[in-house]
Amino acid sequence: MDAVLEVETLVKQYPSQRALDGVSLSIFPGEIFALLGRNGAGKTTLIGSICGLVQKTSGKIRLFGVDLDVDPVTPRYSVGLVPQELNFDPFFTTRESLELQLGYYGRPADSARVDEVLERLELTNKADTLTRALSGGMKRRLLIAKALVHRPKLVFLDEPTAGVDVELRRDLWAYVRRLREEGTTVVLTTHYLEEAEELADRIGVIDEGKLLLLEDKVSLMRRLGERHLEVRFSSKVAALPQGLPGGALSEDGRQFSFLELPAAGPRAVEVLASLFAAKLPAADVSIEAAKLEDVILRVLKGRAS
């Protein structure tokens, strides 16, 4: 499968900082790729370099197989960007903003497409409202509409749900999935790691301009994700059975805890089976899988140590 985007040893050097330090990655058609990292890690600089907002120092960027050093314009007509900052001309209506956006990308007037995007992002009743009168959530929806109205093949969502309420965030998640189903490739940056865990097919972690990790989400969670087993007893347990492969009993003897490490040691189900075989008075059992946030923190902590 040919990559939609290929980045090779990309460097961006500012006078006092190297914002990108040899970043290489490929993005494939129809996937949702989450680019994660701390503030100032290089996420927005990478996106800006691809979209033409930042001039790279060295390295190669190919969009849809085209080297941007050879043709920096044509491939970018098929890219959409939802920036972090709200950026509207306050004197245009919602509809006019989308009509202008079509022109910016060299597309002819298309009122049907404008109406379609307005409807999909639940902006139809705000079509003739000046953008300065929109609520924060509606402005965020309009940013996404502007990025999609020209039917891009690749969309960058740079913190698309920053500052929006939970309901709107869930609506946008559903819309991102719909984009993927329709064949649009999505690159997402977010500080809401549950968002990346919910949506992403692959994860990339960047820190201090270096790409630390690039992996399928499911594989990553299996490789680095811990699981926590807790068992509460209906009566006090004096001691754990001999031969139990791990875990600890609370001081009051009413709770047992075990941490399953990835790819090492006994599994939680094996420990649980041993407890049941010993006929301990288990009243409640819970197994909590690690979250993506825990895994990302482990990756970043490992870099710092």
Protein backbone atom coordinates (compact mmCIF):
# COMPACT_ATOMS: atom_id res chain seq x y z
CA MET A 1 0.00 0.00 0.00
CA ASP A 2 1.44 3.35 -1.05
CA ALA A 3 1.77 5.95 1.70
CA VAL A 4 -0.31 9.12 1.65
CA LEU A 5 2.49 10.93 3.47
CA GLU A 6 6.19 10.12 3.77
CA VAL A 7 8.56 12.12 5.95
CA GLU A 8 12.28 11.32 5.89
CA THR A 9 14.84 12.64 8.40
CA LEU A 10 13.01 15.96 8.71
CA VAL A 11 14.88 18.71 10.55
CA LYS A 12 13.71 22.17 11.59
CA GLN A 13 16.41 24.27 13.22
CA TYR A 14 15.61 27.60 14.85
CA PRO A 15 18.44 29.84 16.08
CA SER A 16 18.22 28.55 19.64
CA GLN A 17 16.29 25.30 19.26
CA ARG A 18 16.05 22.22 17.06
CA ALA A 19 12.28 21.75 16.85
CA LEU A 20 12.46 18.65 14.63
CA ASP A 21 15.44 16.33 14.83
CA GLY A 22 15.48 13.73 12.05
CA VAL A 23 11.80 12.73 12.12
CA SER A 24 10.82 9.91 9.75
CA LEU A 25 7.35 8.40 9.40
CA SER A 26 4.77 7.22 6.88
CA ILE A 27 0.98 7.63 7.00
CA PHE A 28 -1.21 5.23 5.04
CA PRO A 29 -4.59 5.67 3.32
CA GLY A 30 -7.69 5.51 5.50
CA GLU A 31 -5.97 5.34 8.88
CA ILE A 32 -6.33 7.54 11.93
CA PHE A 33 -2.85 8.35 13.19
CA ALA A 34 -2.39 10.01 16.58
CA LEU A 35 0.73 12.14 17.04
CA LEU A 36 1.26 12.60 20.77
CA GLY A 37 3.72 14.49 22.94
CA ARG A 38 4.18 17.24 25.48
CA ASN A 39 3.75 20.94 24.75
CA GLY A 40 6.66 22.08 22.61
CA ALA A 41 7.56 18.53 21.57
CA GLY A 42 7.40 19.35 17.85
CA LYS A 43 3.90 18.21 16.85
CA THR A 44 2.68 21.52 15.42
CA THR A 45 6.05 22.21 13.78
CA LEU A 46 5.84 18.86 11.99
CA ILE A 47 2.31 19.55 10.79
CA GLY A 48 3.27 23.08 9.75
CA SER A 49 6.20 21.74 7.72
CA ILE A 50 3.90 19.36 5.86
CA CYS A 51 1.18 21.95 5.26
CA GLY A 52 3.55 24.71 4.13
CA LEU A 53 3.33 26.92 7.21
CA VAL A 54 6.87 26.16 8.39
CA GLN A 55 9.97 26.08 6.19
CA LYS A 56 11.96 22.93 6.92
CA THR A 57 15.73 23.03 7.36
CA SER A 58 16.41 19.67 5.72
CA GLY A 59 14.82 16.32 4.97
CA LYS A 60 12.19 15.09 2.55
CA ILE A 61 8.40 15.33 2.54
CA ARG A 62 6.31 13.46 -0.03
CA LEU A 63 2.54 13.93 -0.27
CA PHE A 64 0.65 11.39 -2.38
CA GLY A 65 4.00 10.35 -3.84
CA VAL A 66 5.02 13.89 -4.85
CA ASP A 67 8.20 15.43 -3.44
CA LEU A 68 7.26 18.85 -2.04
CA ASP A 69 10.68 20.19 -3.03
CA VAL A 70 9.68 19.51 -6.65
CA ASP A 71 6.02 20.60 -6.44
CA PRO A 72 5.14 22.40 -3.19
CA VAL A 73 1.63 23.43 -4.28
CA THR A 74 -0.40 20.77 -6.13
CA PRO A 75 -0.33 18.00 -3.47
CA ARG A 76 -1.33 20.46 -0.75
CA TYR A 77 -4.63 21.14 -2.53
CA SER A 78 -5.66 17.70 -1.23
CA VAL A 79 -4.75 18.43 2.41
CA GLY A 80 -6.98 19.94 5.10
CA LEU A 81 -5.83 21.47 8.37
CA VAL A 82 -7.74 22.21 11.56
CA PRO A 83 -5.35 24.49 13.50
CA GLN A 84 -5.26 24.92 17.26
CA GLU A 85 -6.13 28.61 17.08
CA LEU A 86 -9.53 29.95 16.09
CA ASN A 87 -8.93 31.98 12.93
CA PHE A 88 -11.94 33.60 11.28
CA ASP A 89 -12.70 36.83 9.51
CA PRO A 90 -15.41 38.22 11.80
CA PHE A 91 -17.22 39.99 8.97
CA PHE A 92 -18.16 36.85 7.01
CA THR A 93 -21.00 34.47 7.72
CA THR A 94 -20.45 30.78 8.28
CA ARG A 95 -21.54 29.99 4.73
CA GLU A 96 -19.35 32.71 3.22
CA SER A 97 -16.33 31.38 5.13
CA LEU A 98 -16.80 27.97 3.54
CA GLU A 99 -17.35 29.42 0.07
CA LEU A 100 -14.12 31.39 0.37
CA GLN A 101 -12.29 28.30 1.59
CA LEU A 102 -13.23 26.45 -1.60
CA GLY A 103 -11.62 29.26 -3.58
CA TYR A 104 -8.44 29.15 -1.52
CA TYR A 105 -7.99 25.52 -2.58
CA GLY A 106 -8.67 26.22 -6.24
CA ARG A 107 -12.13 24.63 -6.20
CA PRO A 108 -15.09 26.10 -8.11
CA ALA A 109 -18.18 27.37 -6.30
CA ASP A 110 -20.18 24.41 -4.99
CA SER A 111 -23.22 25.35 -2.92
CA ALA A 112 -24.29 21.71 -2.63
CA ARG A 113 -20.97 20.80 -1.02
CA VAL A 114 -21.18 23.78 1.35
CA ASP A 115 -24.69 22.73 2.37
CA GLU A 116 -23.54 19.15 2.88
CA VAL A 117 -20.67 20.15 5.19
CA LEU A 118 -22.90 22.56 7.12
CA GLU A 119 -25.40 19.75 7.70
CA ARG A 120 -22.81 17.17 8.69
CA LEU A 121 -21.30 19.46 11.31
CA GLU A 122 -24.71 20.67 12.52
CA LEU A 123 -24.09 24.24 11.36
CA THR A 124 -27.06 24.63 9.01
CA ASN A 125 -28.98 26.86 11.39
CA LYS A 126 -25.84 29.02 11.77
CA ALA A 127 -25.16 29.31 8.02
CA ASP A 128 -26.05 33.01 7.84
CA THR A 129 -24.63 33.97 11.24
CA LEU A 130 -21.49 36.09 11.35
CA THR A 131 -18.60 34.00 12.61
CA ARG A 132 -17.88 36.43 15.44
CA ALA A 133 -21.33 35.63 16.87
CA LEU A 134 -20.74 31.88 17.05
CA SER A 135 -20.14 30.11 20.35
CA GLY A 136 -16.78 28.51 21.02
CA GLY A 137 -18.14 25.06 20.15
CA MET A 138 -19.68 26.29 16.91
CA LYS A 139 -16.42 28.00 15.95
CA ARG A 140 -14.60 24.72 16.50
CA ARG A 141 -17.12 22.97 14.24
CA LEU A 142 -16.59 25.64 11.60
CA LEU A 143 -12.82 25.14 11.72
CA ILE A 144 -13.38 21.48 10.91
CA ALA A 145 -15.88 22.35 8.17
CA LYS A 146 -13.33 24.71 6.57
CA ALA A 147 -10.72 21.95 6.59
CA LEU A 148 -13.08 19.49 4.88
CA VAL A 149 -15.15 21.54 2.43
CA HIS A 150 -12.68 20.98 -0.45
CA ARG A 151 -12.81 17.18 0.00
CA PRO A 152 -9.19 16.60 1.10
CA LYS A 153 -7.66 13.15 1.06
CA LEU A 154 -5.57 13.89 4.17
CA VAL A 155 -6.73 15.95 7.16
CA PHE A 156 -4.65 17.22 10.09
CA LEU A 157 -6.62 17.81 13.29
CA ASP A 158 -4.34 19.79 15.62
CA GLU A 159 -6.04 19.72 19.05
CA PRO A 160 -9.53 19.75 17.45
CA THR A 161 -11.45 19.40 20.73
CA ALA A 162 -9.43 21.80 22.88
CA GLY A 163 -11.78 23.78 25.10
CA VAL A 164 -15.01 22.12 23.99
CA ASP A 165 -17.54 20.33 26.17
CA VAL A 166 -17.82 16.56 26.51
CA GLU A 167 -20.90 16.26 24.30
CA LEU A 168 -19.28 18.12 21.41
CA ARG A 169 -16.11 16.09 21.84
CA ARG A 170 -18.09 12.87 21.45
CA ASP A 171 -19.86 14.28 18.37
CA LEU A 172 -16.52 15.09 16.80
CA TRP A 173 -15.20 11.62 17.58
CA ALA A 174 -18.13 10.15 15.68
CA TYR A 175 -17.44 12.44 12.76
CA VAL A 176 -13.75 11.50 12.65
CA ARG A 177 -14.74 7.83 12.45
CA ARG A 178 -17.12 8.66 9.63
CA LEU A 179 -14.32 10.41 7.74
CA ARG A 180 -12.16 7.31 8.05
CA GLU A 181 -15.03 5.12 6.79
CA GLU A 182 -15.29 7.39 3.75
CA GLY A 183 -11.60 6.92 2.99
CA THR A 184 -10.16 10.13 4.44
CA THR A 185 -6.82 9.77 6.19
CA VAL A 186 -6.67 11.59 9.53
CA VAL A 187 -3.68 12.76 11.56
CA LEU A 188 -4.70 13.79 15.07
CA THR A 189 -2.81 15.61 17.78
CA THR A 190 -4.43 15.86 21.19
CA HIS A 191 -3.70 16.24 24.88
CA TYR A 192 -6.85 14.23 25.66
CA LEU A 193 -5.23 10.81 25.53
CA GLU A 194 -8.56 9.04 25.90
CA GLU A 195 -9.36 10.63 22.53
CA ALA A 196 -6.34 9.00 20.91
CA GLU A 197 -7.11 5.71 22.66
CA GLU A 198 -10.67 5.81 21.34
CA LEU A 199 -9.90 6.79 17.75
CA ALA A 200 -6.36 5.99 16.64
CA ASP A 201 -5.18 3.03 14.61
CA ARG A 202 -1.50 3.90 15.13
CA ILE A 203 0.36 6.01 17.65
CA GLY A 204 3.44 8.18 17.28
CA VAL A 205 5.13 9.80 20.28
CA ILE A 206 7.41 12.80 19.74
CA ASP A 207 9.55 14.55 22.33
CA GLU A 208 12.17 17.29 21.92
CA GLY A 209 11.79 16.98 18.17
CA LYS A 210 12.56 13.23 18.05
CA LEU A 211 10.09 10.50 17.21
CA LEU A 212 10.37 8.09 20.14
CA LEU A 213 7.77 5.55 19.13
CA LEU A 214 5.72 4.56 16.09
CA GLU A 215 3.45 1.58 16.57
CA ASP A 216 0.02 0.08 16.05
CA LYS A 217 -2.14 1.01 19.05
CA VAL A 218 -3.23 -2.53 19.89
CA SER A 219 0.34 -3.83 19.68
CA LEU A 220 1.58 -0.95 21.83
CA MET A 221 -0.98 -1.59 24.56
CA ARG A 222 -0.12 -5.28 24.62
CA ARG A 223 3.61 -4.58 24.75
CA LEU A 224 3.68 -1.84 27.38
CA GLY A 225 0.27 -1.88 29.06
CA GLU A 226 0.03 -3.18 32.62
CA ARG A 227 -3.13 -4.75 34.11
CA HIS A 228 -4.23 -4.38 37.72
CA LEU A 229 -6.14 -7.18 39.45
CA GLU A 230 -8.04 -6.50 42.68
CA VAL A 231 -9.99 -9.04 44.68
CA ARG A 232 -12.11 -8.08 47.70
CA PHE A 233 -12.91 -10.79 50.23
CA SER A 234 -16.16 -11.21 52.16
CA SER A 235 -14.21 -12.07 55.32
CA LYS A 236 -10.67 -11.60 56.58
CA VAL A 237 -7.97 -13.74 54.96
CA ALA A 238 -5.12 -14.56 57.29
CA ALA A 239 -2.55 -15.52 54.63
CA LEU A 240 -2.25 -16.14 50.94
CA PRO A 241 -1.95 -19.74 49.71
CA GLN A 242 1.47 -21.27 49.12
CA GLY A 243 2.67 -21.17 45.53
CA LEU A 244 0.68 -18.09 44.54
CA PRO A 245 2.65 -16.60 41.62
CA GLY A 246 2.44 -13.01 42.85
CA GLY A 247 0.39 -10.29 44.50
CA ALA A 248 -0.07 -8.79 47.95
CA LEU A 249 -2.65 -8.96 50.72
CA SER A 250 -3.83 -5.76 52.40
CA GLU A 251 -3.08 -5.21 56.08
CA ASP A 252 -6.69 -5.87 57.08
CA GLY A 253 -6.72 -9.12 55.06
CA ARG A 254 -9.75 -8.13 53.03
CA GLN A 255 -8.19 -7.14 49.70
CA PHE A 256 -5.68 -8.68 47.32
CA SER A 257 -3.80 -6.74 44.63
CA PHE A 258 -1.69 -7.92 41.72
CA LEU A 259 0.02 -6.00 38.89
CA GLU A 260 0.44 -7.87 35.61
CA LEU A 261 3.52 -6.68 33.77
CA PRO A 262 3.57 -6.81 29.97
CA ALA A 263 5.47 -9.75 28.50
CA ALA A 264 6.87 -10.77 31.88
CA GLY A 265 5.79 -12.87 34.85
CA PRO A 266 2.42 -14.48 35.57
CA ARG A 267 -0.83 -13.25 34.06
CA ALA A 268 -3.69 -11.88 36.14
CA VAL A 269 -5.99 -14.75 35.12
CA GLU A 270 -3.42 -17.27 36.39
CA VAL A 271 -3.21 -15.52 39.76
CA LEU A 272 -6.99 -15.34 39.95
CA ALA A 273 -7.29 -19.05 39.18
CA SER A 274 -4.91 -19.80 42.07
CA LEU A 275 -7.05 -17.75 44.45
CA PHE A 276 -10.20 -19.59 43.39
CA ALA A 277 -8.44 -22.96 43.67
CA ALA A 278 -7.56 -22.09 47.28
CA LYS A 279 -11.29 -21.40 47.89
CA LEU A 280 -10.68 -17.95 49.36
CA PRO A 281 -13.89 -15.97 50.11
CA ALA A 282 -13.82 -13.71 47.03
CA ALA A 283 -16.71 -11.24 47.01
CA ASP A 284 -15.72 -8.97 44.15
CA VAL A 285 -13.14 -9.11 41.34
CA SER A 286 -11.94 -6.36 39.02
CA ILE A 287 -9.25 -6.35 36.33
CA GLU A 288 -8.37 -2.91 35.04
CA ALA A 289 -6.33 -2.63 31.87
CA ALA A 290 -3.77 0.12 31.48
CA LYS A 291 -4.85 3.22 29.64
CA LEU A 292 -2.96 4.80 26.78
CA GLU A 293 -2.08 7.66 29.12
CA ASP A 294 -0.18 5.25 31.37
CA VAL A 295 1.72 3.83 28.41
CA ILE A 296 2.67 7.24 26.99
CA LEU A 297 3.88 8.39 30.40
CA ARG A 298 6.06 5.28 30.62
CA VAL A 299 7.55 6.05 27.20
CA LEU A 300 8.30 9.67 28.13
CA LYS A 301 9.59 8.73 31.58
CA GLY A 302 11.90 6.17 30.00
CA ARG A 303 13.34 8.89 27.80
CA ALA A 304 13.90 11.18 30.79
CA SER A 305 15.58 8.52 32.93
